[in-house]
């Protein structure tokens, strides 16, 4: 069975890919919102950097200083999760703000 050959590294790679895809999707959605276009572009660039760094980090600074790359890898991953959450929260706030004036103006008529 293929599932028996999965180890923690494979699961880590899967979660990293899911975080990267989530950030990319949220960034593309943010690109469609008027007040989030710059943040959407930042998210797309961050997702590309995240993917490249995640795949190549095992070969960077090999040796006794590799712990620095591992720490940076952790911080970049946490940053991606935070940026995805920020984009989602800001998008909801903008959409809620756009919907409010329409609802209140319709109530006046």
PDB file of N, CA and C in Angstrom:
ATOM      1  N   UNK A   1       0.862  -1.177   0.000  1.00  0.00           N
ATOM      2  CA  UNK A   1       0.000   0.000   0.000  1.00  0.00           C
ATOM      3  C   UNK A   1       0.903   1.233   0.000  1.00  0.00           C
ATOM      4  N   UNK A   2       0.560   2.225  -0.821  1.00  0.00           N
ATOM      5  CA  UNK A   2       1.387   3.427  -0.943  1.00  0.00           C
ATOM      6  C   UNK A   2       1.422   4.253   0.331  1.00  0.00           C
ATOM      7  N   UNK A   3       0.364   4.200   1.122  1.00  0.00           N
ATOM      8  CA  UNK A   3       0.307   5.022   2.334  1.00  0.00           C
ATOM      9  C   UNK A   3       1.283   4.530   3.395  1.00  0.00           C
ATOM     10  N   UNK A   4       1.682   3.279   3.320  1.00  0.00           N
ATOM     11  CA  UNK A   4       2.614   2.730   4.307  1.00  0.00           C
ATOM     12  C   UNK A   4       4.017   3.297   4.126  1.00  0.00           C
ATOM     13  N   UNK A   5       4.316   3.839   2.964  1.00  0.00           N
ATOM     14  CA  UNK A   5       5.650   4.374   2.689  1.00  0.00           C
ATOM     15  C   UNK A   5       5.775   5.864   2.992  1.00  0.00           C
ATOM     16  N   UNK A   6       4.749   6.494   3.528  1.00  0.00           N
ATOM     17  CA  UNK A   6       4.790   7.919   3.830  1.00  0.00           C
ATOM     18  C   UNK A   6       5.481   8.131   5.173  1.00  0.00           C
ATOM     19  N   UNK A   7       6.423   9.064   5.192  1.00  0.00           N
ATOM     20  CA  UNK A   7       7.077   9.402   6.459  1.00  0.00           C
ATOM     21  C   UNK A   7       6.754  10.857   6.814  1.00  0.00           C
ATOM     22  N   UNK A   8       7.304  11.336   7.916  1.00  0.00           N
ATOM     23  CA  UNK A   8       7.003  12.686   8.383  1.00  0.00           C
ATOM     24  C   UNK A   8       7.473  13.760   7.409  1.00  0.00           C
ATOM     25  N   UNK A   9       8.556  13.496   6.692  1.00  0.00           N
ATOM     26  CA  UNK A   9       9.039  14.469   5.712  1.00  0.00           C
ATOM     27  C   UNK A   9       8.021  14.656   4.597  1.00  0.00           C
ATOM     28  N   UNK A  10       7.425  13.562   4.143  1.00  0.00           N
ATOM     29  CA  UNK A  10       6.407  13.656   3.097  1.00  0.00           C
ATOM     30  C   UNK A  10       5.181  14.424   3.587  1.00  0.00           C
ATOM     31  N   UNK A  11       4.792  14.195   4.814  1.00  0.00           N
ATOM     32  CA  UNK A  11       3.652  14.919   5.387  1.00  0.00           C
ATOM     33  C   UNK A  11       3.990  16.401   5.514  1.00  0.00           C
ATOM     34  N   UNK A  12       5.212  16.700   5.929  1.00  0.00           N
ATOM     35  CA  UNK A  12       5.670  18.085   6.030  1.00  0.00           C
ATOM     36  C   UNK A  12       5.635  18.758   4.655  1.00  0.00           C
ATOM     37  N   UNK A  13       6.097  18.053   3.636  1.00  0.00           N
ATOM     38  CA  UNK A  13       6.061  18.593   2.272  1.00  0.00           C
ATOM     39  C   UNK A  13       4.625  18.840   1.818  1.00  0.00           C
ATOM     40  N   UNK A  14       3.723  17.937   2.155  1.00  0.00           N
ATOM     41  CA  UNK A  14       2.322  18.099   1.788  1.00  0.00           C
ATOM     42  C   UNK A  14       1.721  19.330   2.458  1.00  0.00           C
ATOM     43  N   UNK A  15       1.959  19.486   3.760  1.00  0.00           N
ATOM     44  CA  UNK A  15       1.434  20.657   4.465  1.00  0.00           C
ATOM     45  C   UNK A  15       2.053  21.947   3.934  1.00  0.00           C
ATOM     46  N   UNK A  16       3.336  21.914   3.613  1.00  0.00           N
ATOM     47  CA  UNK A  16       3.985  23.089   3.031  1.00  0.00           C
ATOM     48  C   UNK A  16       3.378  23.460   1.693  1.00  0.00           C
ATOM     49  N   UNK A  17       3.080  22.457   0.893  1.00  0.00           N
ATOM     50  CA  UNK A  17       2.440  22.708  -0.397  1.00  0.00           C
ATOM     51  C   UNK A  17       1.034  23.260  -0.209  1.00  0.00           C
ATOM     52  N   UNK A  18       0.303  22.737   0.765  1.00  0.00           N
ATOM     53  CA  UNK A  18      -1.044  23.245   1.037  1.00  0.00           C
ATOM     54  C   UNK A  18      -1.015  24.695   1.514  1.00  0.00           C
ATOM     55  N   UNK A  19      -0.055  25.038   2.363  1.00  0.00           N
ATOM     56  CA  UNK A  19       0.081  26.428   2.821  1.00  0.00           C
ATOM     57  C   UNK A  19       0.420  27.331   1.640  1.00  0.00           C
ATOM     58  N   UNK A  20       1.330  26.882   0.782  1.00  0.00           N
ATOM     59  CA  UNK A  20       1.716  27.675  -0.386  1.00  0.00           C
ATOM     60  C   UNK A  20       0.537  27.867  -1.330  1.00  0.00           C
ATOM     61  N   UNK A  21      -0.208  26.808  -1.600  1.00  0.00           N
ATOM     62  CA  UNK A  21      -1.373  26.923  -2.481  1.00  0.00           C
ATOM     63  C   UNK A  21      -2.455  27.797  -1.856  1.00  0.00           C
ATOM     64  N   UNK A  22      -2.650  27.673  -0.548  1.00  0.00           N
ATOM     65  CA  UNK A  22      -3.619  28.525   0.139  1.00  0.00           C
ATOM     66  C   UNK A  22      -3.246  29.991   0.037  1.00  0.00           C
ATOM     67  N   UNK A  23      -1.965  30.291   0.237  1.00  0.00           N
ATOM     68  CA  UNK A  23      -1.498  31.673   0.109  1.00  0.00           C
ATOM     69  C   UNK A  23      -1.669  32.162  -1.319  1.00  0.00           C
ATOM     70  N   UNK A  24      -1.357  31.322  -2.284  1.00  0.00           N
ATOM     71  CA  UNK A  24      -1.485  31.718  -3.683  1.00  0.00           C
ATOM     72  C   UNK A  24      -2.939  31.988  -4.053  1.00  0.00           C
ATOM     73  N   UNK A  25      -3.846  31.131  -3.630  1.00  0.00           N
ATOM     74  CA  UNK A  25      -5.273  31.330  -3.915  1.00  0.00           C
ATOM     75  C   UNK A  25      -5.780  32.598  -3.241  1.00  0.00           C
ATOM     76  N   UNK A  26      -5.432  32.795  -1.975  1.00  0.00           N
ATOM     77  CA  UNK A  26      -5.881  33.993  -1.260  1.00  0.00           C
ATOM     78  C   UNK A  26      -5.291  35.252  -1.881  1.00  0.00           C
ATOM     79  N   UNK A  27      -4.065  35.171  -2.362  1.00  0.00           N
ATOM     80  CA  UNK A  27      -3.430  36.321  -3.003  1.00  0.00           C
ATOM     81  C   UNK A  27      -4.098  36.660  -4.327  1.00  0.00           C
ATOM     82  N   UNK A  28      -4.477  35.645  -5.078  1.00  0.00           N
ATOM     83  CA  UNK A  28      -5.178  35.889  -6.346  1.00  0.00           C
ATOM     84  C   UNK A  28      -6.546  36.497  -6.080  1.00  0.00           C
ATOM     85  N   UNK A  29      -7.221  36.032  -5.052  1.00  0.00           N
ATOM     86  CA  UNK A  29      -8.500  36.641  -4.665  1.00  0.00           C
ATOM     87  C   UNK A  29      -8.277  38.092  -4.256  1.00  0.00           C
ATOM     88  N   UNK A  30      -7.206  38.357  -3.511  1.00  0.00           N
ATOM     89  CA  UNK A  30      -6.905  39.727  -3.076  1.00  0.00           C
ATOM     90  C   UNK A  30      -6.588  40.628  -4.264  1.00  0.00           C
ATOM     91  N   UNK A  31      -6.016  40.069  -5.313  1.00  0.00           N
ATOM     92  CA  UNK A  31      -5.732  40.866  -6.507  1.00  0.00           C
ATOM     93  C   UNK A  31      -7.008  41.389  -7.157  1.00  0.00           C
ATOM     94  N   UNK A  32      -8.122  40.728  -6.923  1.00  0.00           N
ATOM     95  CA  UNK A  32      -9.386  41.171  -7.511  1.00  0.00           C
ATOM     96  C   UNK A  32     -10.067  42.252  -6.680  1.00  0.00           C
ATOM     97  N   UNK A  33      -9.628  42.448  -5.444  1.00  0.00           N
ATOM     98  CA  UNK A  33     -10.238  43.450  -4.568  1.00  0.00           C
ATOM     99  C   UNK A  33      -9.490  44.772  -4.714  1.00  0.00           C
ATOM    100  N   UNK A  34     -10.222  45.838  -4.776  1.00  0.00           N
ATOM    101  CA  UNK A  34      -9.630  47.149  -5.028  1.00  0.00           C
ATOM    102  C   UNK A  34      -8.617  47.561  -3.964  1.00  0.00           C
ATOM    103  N   UNK A  35      -8.882  47.375  -2.716  1.00  0.00           N
ATOM    104  CA  UNK A  35      -7.991  47.822  -1.656  1.00  0.00           C
ATOM    105  C   UNK A  35      -6.890  46.850  -1.286  1.00  0.00           C
ATOM    106  N   UNK A  36      -6.807  45.720  -1.967  1.00  0.00           N
ATOM    107  CA  UNK A  36      -5.836  44.685  -1.595  1.00  0.00           C
ATOM    108  C   UNK A  36      -4.897  44.292  -2.725  1.00  0.00           C
ATOM    109  N   UNK A  37      -4.875  45.037  -3.793  1.00  0.00           N
ATOM    110  CA  UNK A  37      -4.096  44.608  -4.962  1.00  0.00           C
ATOM    111  C   UNK A  37      -2.604  44.522  -4.669  1.00  0.00           C
ATOM    112  N   UNK A  38      -2.073  45.488  -3.949  1.00  0.00           N
ATOM    113  CA  UNK A  38      -0.638  45.446  -3.632  1.00  0.00           C
ATOM    114  C   UNK A  38      -0.338  44.269  -2.707  1.00  0.00           C
ATOM    115  N   UNK A  39      -1.192  44.058  -1.694  1.00  0.00           N
ATOM    116  CA  UNK A  39      -0.996  42.919  -0.793  1.00  0.00           C
ATOM    117  C   UNK A  39      -1.149  41.603  -1.546  1.00  0.00           C
ATOM    118  N   UNK A  40      -2.045  41.565  -2.532  1.00  0.00           N
ATOM    119  CA  UNK A  40      -2.193  40.366  -3.349  1.00  0.00           C
ATOM    120  C   UNK A  40      -0.931  40.067  -4.134  1.00  0.00           C
ATOM    121  N   UNK A  41      -0.320  41.116  -4.678  1.00  0.00           N
ATOM    122  CA  UNK A  41       0.936  40.944  -5.404  1.00  0.00           C
ATOM    123  C   UNK A  41       2.050  40.485  -4.462  1.00  0.00           C
ATOM    124  N   UNK A  42       2.092  41.067  -3.274  1.00  0.00           N
ATOM    125  CA  UNK A  42       3.070  40.639  -2.263  1.00  0.00           C
ATOM    126  C   UNK A  42       2.862  39.155  -1.946  1.00  0.00           C
ATOM    127  N   UNK A  43       1.616  38.739  -1.822  1.00  0.00           N
ATOM    128  CA  UNK A  43       1.323  37.339  -1.526  1.00  0.00           C
ATOM    129  C   UNK A  43       1.752  36.393  -2.629  1.00  0.00           C
ATOM    130  N   UNK A  44       1.556  36.787  -3.884  1.00  0.00           N
ATOM    131  CA  UNK A  44       1.979  35.941  -5.008  1.00  0.00           C
ATOM    132  C   UNK A  44       3.498  35.787  -5.006  1.00  0.00           C
ATOM    133  N   UNK A  45       4.207  36.902  -4.828  1.00  0.00           N
ATOM    134  CA  UNK A  45       5.674  36.848  -4.782  1.00  0.00           C
ATOM    135  C   UNK A  45       6.139  36.006  -3.589  1.00  0.00           C
ATOM    136  N   UNK A  46       5.494  36.188  -2.442  1.00  0.00           N
ATOM    137  CA  UNK A  46       5.841  35.424  -1.236  1.00  0.00           C
ATOM    138  C   UNK A  46       5.613  33.930  -1.475  1.00  0.00           C
ATOM    139  N   UNK A  47       4.533  33.580  -2.157  1.00  0.00           N
ATOM    140  CA  UNK A  47       4.250  32.165  -2.430  1.00  0.00           C
ATOM    141  C   UNK A  47       5.328  31.554  -3.316  1.00  0.00           C
ATOM    142  N   UNK A  48       5.798  32.305  -4.305  1.00  0.00           N
ATOM    143  CA  UNK A  48       6.861  31.800  -5.176  1.00  0.00           C
ATOM    144  C   UNK A  48       8.153  31.614  -4.376  1.00  0.00           C
ATOM    145  N   UNK A  49       8.487  32.617  -3.550  1.00  0.00           N
ATOM    146  CA  UNK A  49       9.682  32.510  -2.705  1.00  0.00           C
ATOM    147  C   UNK A  49       9.546  31.337  -1.737  1.00  0.00           C
ATOM    148  N   UNK A  50       8.365  31.176  -1.173  1.00  0.00           N
ATOM    149  CA  UNK A  50       8.103  30.084  -0.232  1.00  0.00           C
ATOM    150  C   UNK A  50       8.332  28.728  -0.883  1.00  0.00           C
ATOM    151  N   UNK A  51       7.841  28.570  -2.090  1.00  0.00           N
ATOM    152  CA  UNK A  51       7.998  27.305  -2.805  1.00  0.00           C
ATOM    153  C   UNK A  51       9.471  27.033  -3.122  1.00  0.00           C
ATOM    154  N   UNK A  52      10.163  28.040  -3.641  1.00  0.00           N
ATOM    155  CA  UNK A  52      11.572  27.860  -3.997  1.00  0.00           C
ATOM    156  C   UNK A  52      12.417  27.584  -2.752  1.00  0.00           C
ATOM    157  N   UNK A  53      12.210  28.362  -1.699  1.00  0.00           N
ATOM    158  CA  UNK A  53      13.000  28.179  -0.477  1.00  0.00           C
ATOM    159  C   UNK A  53      12.684  26.845   0.187  1.00  0.00           C
ATOM    160  N   UNK A  54      11.415  26.466   0.190  1.00  0.00           N
ATOM    161  CA  UNK A  54      11.035  25.199   0.806  1.00  0.00           C
ATOM    162  C   UNK A  54      11.665  24.002   0.119  1.00  0.00           C
ATOM    163  N   UNK A  55      11.767  24.071  -1.200  1.00  0.00           N
ATOM    164  CA  UNK A  55      12.345  22.954  -1.947  1.00  0.00           C
ATOM    165  C   UNK A  55      13.865  22.922  -1.887  1.00  0.00           C
ATOM    166  N   UNK A  56      14.497  24.083  -1.734  1.00  0.00           N
ATOM    167  CA  UNK A  56      15.957  24.120  -1.804  1.00  0.00           C
ATOM    168  C   UNK A  56      16.636  24.290  -0.451  1.00  0.00           C
ATOM    169  N   UNK A  57      15.889  24.445   0.620  1.00  0.00           N
ATOM    170  CA  UNK A  57      16.493  24.765   1.914  1.00  0.00           C
ATOM    171  C   UNK A  57      17.413  23.682   2.451  1.00  0.00           C
ATOM    172  N   UNK A  58      17.211  22.446   2.047  1.00  0.00           N
ATOM    173  CA  UNK A  58      18.082  21.379   2.561  1.00  0.00           C
ATOM    174  C   UNK A  58      19.498  21.468   1.990  1.00  0.00           C
ATOM    175  N   UNK A  59      19.663  22.174   0.875  1.00  0.00           N
ATOM    176  CA  UNK A  59      20.983  22.297   0.250  1.00  0.00           C
ATOM    177  C   UNK A  59      21.693  23.603   0.597  1.00  0.00           C
ATOM    178  N   UNK A  60      21.029  24.495   1.313  1.00  0.00           N
ATOM    179  CA  UNK A  60      21.606  25.799   1.627  1.00  0.00           C
ATOM    180  C   UNK A  60      22.365  25.710   2.949  1.00  0.00           C
ATOM    181  N   UNK A  61      23.575  26.198   2.937  1.00  0.00           N
ATOM    182  CA  UNK A  61      24.405  26.300   4.140  1.00  0.00           C
ATOM    183  C   UNK A  61      24.473  24.964   4.896  1.00  0.00           C
ATOM    184  N   UNK A  62      24.803  23.925   4.163  1.00  0.00           N
ATOM    185  CA  UNK A  62      24.910  22.605   4.792  1.00  0.00           C
ATOM    186  C   UNK A  62      26.072  22.601   5.780  1.00  0.00           C
ATOM    187  N   UNK A  63      25.899  21.896   6.841  1.00  0.00           N
ATOM    188  CA  UNK A  63      26.936  21.824   7.862  1.00  0.00           C
ATOM    189  C   UNK A  63      26.412  22.245   9.213  1.00  0.00           C
ATOM    190  N   UNK A  64      27.321  22.705  10.061  1.00  0.00           N
ATOM    191  CA  UNK A  64      26.933  23.025  11.436  1.00  0.00           C
ATOM    192  C   UNK A  64      26.108  24.308  11.537  1.00  0.00           C
ATOM    193  N   UNK A  65      26.053  25.125  10.500  1.00  0.00           N
ATOM    194  CA  UNK A  65      25.232  26.341  10.526  1.00  0.00           C
ATOM    195  C   UNK A  65      23.871  26.159   9.851  1.00  0.00           C
ATOM    196  N   UNK A  66      23.545  24.936   9.495  1.00  0.00           N
ATOM    197  CA  UNK A  66      22.270  24.689   8.816  1.00  0.00           C
ATOM    198  C   UNK A  66      21.072  25.004   9.708  1.00  0.00           C
ATOM    199  N   UNK A  67      21.274  25.039  11.006  1.00  0.00           N
ATOM    200  CA  UNK A  67      20.175  25.374  11.917  1.00  0.00           C
ATOM    201  C   UNK A  67      19.645  26.777  11.632  1.00  0.00           C
ATOM    202  N   UNK A  68      20.500  27.672  11.116  1.00  0.00           N
ATOM    203  CA  UNK A  68      20.028  29.011  10.747  1.00  0.00           C
ATOM    204  C   UNK A  68      19.004  28.936   9.618  1.00  0.00           C
ATOM    205  N   UNK A  69      19.266  28.087   8.644  1.00  0.00           N
ATOM    206  CA  UNK A  69      18.339  27.910   7.524  1.00  0.00           C
ATOM    207  C   UNK A  69      17.058  27.253   8.014  1.00  0.00           C
ATOM    208  N   UNK A  70      17.171  26.307   8.933  1.00  0.00           N
ATOM    209  CA  UNK A  70      15.979  25.666   9.485  1.00  0.00           C
ATOM    210  C   UNK A  70      15.117  26.667  10.245  1.00  0.00           C
ATOM    211  N   UNK A  71      15.748  27.546  11.001  1.00  0.00           N
ATOM    212  CA  UNK A  71      14.997  28.578  11.723  1.00  0.00           C
ATOM    213  C   UNK A  71      14.334  29.538  10.742  1.00  0.00           C
ATOM    214  N   UNK A  72      15.064  29.932   9.699  1.00  0.00           N
ATOM    215  CA  UNK A  72      14.497  30.811   8.677  1.00  0.00           C
ATOM    216  C   UNK A  72      13.343  30.127   7.950  1.00  0.00           C
ATOM    217  N   UNK A  73      13.485  28.845   7.687  1.00  0.00           N
ATOM    218  CA  UNK A  73      12.431  28.048   7.050  1.00  0.00           C
ATOM    219  C   UNK A  73      11.156  28.078   7.902  1.00  0.00           C
ATOM    220  N   UNK A  74      11.324  27.931   9.200  1.00  0.00           N
ATOM    221  CA  UNK A  74      10.184  27.984  10.118  1.00  0.00           C
ATOM    222  C   UNK A  74       9.532  29.359  10.104  1.00  0.00           C
ATOM    223  N   UNK A  75      10.338  30.410  10.172  1.00  0.00           N
ATOM    224  CA  UNK A  75       9.803  31.775  10.187  1.00  0.00           C
ATOM    225  C   UNK A  75       9.098  32.130   8.879  1.00  0.00           C
ATOM    226  N   UNK A  76       9.647  31.693   7.757  1.00  0.00           N
ATOM    227  CA  UNK A  76       9.015  31.965   6.466  1.00  0.00           C
ATOM    228  C   UNK A  76       7.679  31.231   6.372  1.00  0.00           C
ATOM    229  N   UNK A  77       7.621  30.006   6.872  1.00  0.00           N
ATOM    230  CA  UNK A  77       6.361  29.258   6.877  1.00  0.00           C
ATOM    231  C   UNK A  77       5.309  29.903   7.756  1.00  0.00           C
ATOM    232  N   UNK A  78       5.707  30.328   8.948  1.00  0.00           N
ATOM    233  CA  UNK A  78       4.763  31.016   9.840  1.00  0.00           C
ATOM    234  C   UNK A  78       4.311  32.324   9.208  1.00  0.00           C
ATOM    235  N   UNK A  79       5.241  33.030   8.570  1.00  0.00           N
ATOM    236  CA  UNK A  79       4.892  34.272   7.878  1.00  0.00           C
ATOM    237  C   UNK A  79       3.863  34.050   6.782  1.00  0.00           C
ATOM    238  N   UNK A  80       3.969  32.940   6.066  1.00  0.00           N
ATOM    239  CA  UNK A  80       2.999  32.631   5.017  1.00  0.00           C
ATOM    240  C   UNK A  80       1.614  32.391   5.600  1.00  0.00           C
ATOM    241  N   UNK A  81       1.556  31.695   6.718  1.00  0.00           N
ATOM    242  CA  UNK A  81       0.267  31.443   7.371  1.00  0.00           C
ATOM    243  C   UNK A  81      -0.342  32.747   7.863  1.00  0.00           C
ATOM    244  N   UNK A  82       0.486  33.607   8.454  1.00  0.00           N
ATOM    245  CA  UNK A  82       0.001  34.902   8.949  1.00  0.00           C
ATOM    246  C   UNK A  82      -0.475  35.775   7.790  1.00  0.00           C
ATOM    247  N   UNK A  83       0.288  35.817   6.704  1.00  0.00           N
ATOM    248  CA  UNK A  83      -0.103  36.625   5.544  1.00  0.00           C
ATOM    249  C   UNK A  83      -1.410  36.124   4.938  1.00  0.00           C
ATOM    250  N   UNK A  84      -1.591  34.818   4.871  1.00  0.00           N
ATOM    251  CA  UNK A  84      -2.843  34.261   4.361  1.00  0.00           C
ATOM    252  C   UNK A  84      -4.015  34.670   5.244  1.00  0.00           C
ATOM    253  N   UNK A  85      -3.841  34.587   6.548  1.00  0.00           N
ATOM    254  CA  UNK A  85      -4.891  35.011   7.478  1.00  0.00           C
ATOM    255  C   UNK A  85      -5.185  36.492   7.370  1.00  0.00           C
ATOM    256  N   UNK A  86      -4.138  37.305   7.232  1.00  0.00           N
ATOM    257  CA  UNK A  86      -4.319  38.749   7.084  1.00  0.00           C
ATOM    258  C   UNK A  86      -5.107  39.070   5.820  1.00  0.00           C
ATOM    259  N   UNK A  87      -4.730  38.437   4.715  1.00  0.00           N
ATOM    260  CA  UNK A  87      -5.428  38.694   3.452  1.00  0.00           C
ATOM    261  C   UNK A  87      -6.896  38.295   3.551  1.00  0.00           C
ATOM    262  N   UNK A  88      -7.169  37.159   4.171  1.00  0.00           N
ATOM    263  CA  UNK A  88      -8.551  36.715   4.325  1.00  0.00           C
ATOM    264  C   UNK A  88      -9.366  37.647   5.195  1.00  0.00           C
ATOM    265  N   UNK A  89      -8.793  38.064   6.318  1.00  0.00           N
ATOM    266  CA  UNK A  89      -9.508  38.968   7.225  1.00  0.00           C
ATOM    267  C   UNK A  89      -9.740  40.324   6.574  1.00  0.00           C
ATOM    268  N   UNK A  90      -8.735  40.834   5.904  1.00  0.00           N
ATOM    269  CA  UNK A  90      -8.867  42.143   5.241  1.00  0.00           C
ATOM    270  C   UNK A  90      -9.878  42.066   4.098  1.00  0.00           C
ATOM    271  N   UNK A  91      -9.876  40.979   3.363  1.00  0.00           N
ATOM    272  CA  UNK A  91     -10.832  40.806   2.269  1.00  0.00           C
ATOM    273  C   UNK A  91     -12.261  40.780   2.808  1.00  0.00           C
ATOM    274  N   UNK A  92     -12.482  40.040   3.895  1.00  0.00           N
ATOM    275  CA  UNK A  92     -13.820  40.003   4.499  1.00  0.00           C
ATOM    276  C   UNK A  92     -14.247  41.384   4.972  1.00  0.00           C
ATOM    277  N   UNK A  93     -13.319  42.126   5.574  1.00  0.00           N
ATOM    278  CA  UNK A  93     -13.632  43.475   6.045  1.00  0.00           C
ATOM    279  C   UNK A  93     -14.001  44.387   4.884  1.00  0.00           C
ATOM    280  N   UNK A  94     -13.250  44.315   3.804  1.00  0.00           N
ATOM    281  CA  UNK A  94     -13.552  45.147   2.637  1.00  0.00           C
ATOM    282  C   UNK A  94     -14.896  44.771   2.027  1.00  0.00           C
ATOM    283  N   UNK A  95     -15.169  43.497   1.913  1.00  0.00           N
ATOM    284  CA  UNK A  95     -16.442  43.060   1.329  1.00  0.00           C
ATOM    285  C   UNK A  95     -17.614  43.424   2.231  1.00  0.00           C
ATOM    286  N   UNK A  96     -17.424  43.345   3.529  1.00  0.00           N
ATOM    287  CA  UNK A  96     -18.480  43.735   4.464  1.00  0.00           C
ATOM    288  C   UNK A  96     -18.732  45.239   4.370  1.00  0.00           C
ATOM    289  N   UNK A  97     -17.662  46.017   4.206  1.00  0.00           N
ATOM    290  CA  UNK A  97     -17.788  47.464   4.071  1.00  0.00           C
ATOM    291  C   UNK A  97     -18.475  47.870   2.785  1.00  0.00           C
ATOM    292  N   UNK A  98     -18.277  47.119   1.725  1.00  0.00           N
ATOM    293  CA  UNK A  98     -18.939  47.405   0.449  1.00  0.00           C
ATOM    294  C   UNK A  98     -20.416  47.052   0.518  1.00  0.00           C
ATOM    295  N   UNK A  99     -20.750  46.030   1.263  1.00  0.00           N
ATOM    296  CA  UNK A  99     -22.143  45.585   1.324  1.00  0.00           C
ATOM    297  C   UNK A  99     -22.982  46.484   2.220  1.00  0.00           C
ATOM    298  N   UNK A 100     -22.396  47.103   3.228  1.00  0.00           N
ATOM    299  CA  UNK A 100     -23.150  47.915   4.176  1.00  0.00           C
ATOM    300  C   UNK A 100     -23.835  49.124   3.544  1.00  0.00           C
ATOM    301  N   UNK A 101     -23.131  49.963   2.771  1.00  0.00           N
ATOM    302  CA  UNK A 101     -23.807  51.134   2.215  1.00  0.00           C
ATOM    303  C   UNK A 101     -24.989  50.771   1.318  1.00  0.00           C
ATOM    304  N   UNK A 102     -24.874  49.695   0.570  1.00  0.00           N
ATOM    305  CA  UNK A 102     -25.979  49.281  -0.287  1.00  0.00           C
ATOM    306  C   UNK A 102     -27.188  48.885   0.551  1.00  0.00           C
ATOM    307  N   UNK A 103     -26.958  48.157   1.618  1.00  0.00           N
ATOM    308  CA  UNK A 103     -28.065  47.714   2.465  1.00  0.00           C
ATOM    309  C   UNK A 103     -28.729  48.909   3.145  1.00  0.00           C
ATOM    310  N   UNK A 104     -27.939  49.867   3.623  1.00  0.00           N
ATOM    311  CA  UNK A 104     -28.526  51.021   4.303  1.00  0.00           C
ATOM    312  C   UNK A 104     -29.219  51.950   3.316  1.00  0.00           C
ATOM    313  N   UNK A 105     -28.698  52.075   2.098  1.00  0.00           N
ATOM    314  CA  UNK A 105     -29.346  52.948   1.121  1.00  0.00           C
ATOM    315  C   UNK A 105     -30.653  52.330   0.628  1.00  0.00           C
ATOM    316  N   UNK A 106     -30.726  51.016   0.568  1.00  0.00           N
ATOM    317  CA  UNK A 106     -31.969  50.369   0.162  1.00  0.00           C
ATOM    318  C   UNK A 106     -33.022  50.491   1.254  1.00  0.00           C
ATOM    319  N   UNK A 107     -32.585  50.567   2.495  1.00  0.00           N
ATOM    320  CA  UNK A 107     -33.533  50.684   3.600  1.00  0.00           C
ATOM    321  C   UNK A 107     -34.206  52.054   3.607  1.00  0.00           C
ATOM    322  N   UNK A 108     -33.557  53.059   3.022  1.00  0.00           N
ATOM    323  CA  UNK A 108     -34.122  54.403   2.994  1.00  0.00           C
ATOM    324  C   UNK A 108     -35.249  54.536   1.973  1.00  0.00           C
ATOM    325  N   UNK A 109     -35.293  53.678   0.994  1.00  0.00           N
ATOM    326  CA  UNK A 109     -36.299  53.819  -0.071  1.00  0.00           C
ATOM    327  C   UNK A 109     -37.538  53.031   0.192  1.00  0.00           C
TER     328      UNK A 109
END
